[in-house]
Amino acid sequence: MTKITAIIPTLNEEIHITEAIKSVSFADEIIIIDSFSTDKTLEIAAQFDVKIIKRKFDDFSSQKNFAIEQAMHSWIYILDADERVTPEVEKEILEAVKNPQDYVGFFVKRTFYFSGKKINYGGCQRDKVVRLFLKDSCKYRGIVHETIVTNGKLGFFKHKIEHYSYKNYDHYISKMNHYGALRGKEFYEKGKKVNLYHFLIKPPARFVIHYFIRLGFLDGFPGYIFAKTQAYGVYTKYLKLWLLKKGIKEN
């Protein structure tokens, strides 16, 4: 019950995969669940003592749930390839699995970096995710911003992991387009409508939330860019929905 399987979902993560694997070296098993990367991700990963599984990507929850089913151990630690477990969090993880105190999973907060700059505000100060949990008590649900559904109590770690989510602006926009396509498809399948309100009001409102209400302006210019890209993400998902409703296929 004290052994841990670490799971790292990947798609073209050659710039991250080495440090990601090293940061979960405390785990008894490491699984790479890869969506058929075309860069050197798997070539690099194969140099480590890891189990590599290739699976066609459908959505984030299905990908992670599939990998969890392959895990040998009861405790699961999910690590996105752009995250790093700090020594302080590693210590908390090992203590938690030895003495979970009736918790079936644990939230951990993240320190967010955008183009190498630490973002302290804009909503990032509240960023937390469930990363450590018991295999039989938790399951992922959701297409893009997947969440853990649990049948027990969740605890909190005191320290933060590091999140190097976007290496530059182009990388960020690429991810926003990918997430937008998934969310647009989800909205389409649910029969959601789209109109001018979703293009003229919701993106600017998202900017105001991140830049002003959540104090993004305190991060200076990086905070402004972060808020603008969050607004772009809102615009993108509704654009993808509109294209699907019009039957317009993208190249």
Foldseek 3Di string as FASTA:
>chain_A
DLAEEEEEEDAQLVVQQVQACVLVVVHPAYEYEYQPHPDCNVVVVVVDRYHYHYDHDDFDQVSVLVVLVVDPDFKYFYDYSQKGHDPLNVVVSSVCSVPVPFAFWEKAQEFEAALNHTQCWLCSVVHIAIGIGTSVFWGWDDGYPIHIDGPTHYYYDPHHIYGDDYNHDVRLVVVLLVSLLRLLVVCVVVVHDADVCQQPPQLVVQLCCRVPVGPLCVSPPVSNVVSNSSSVSSNNNRVSNVCVVVVHDDD
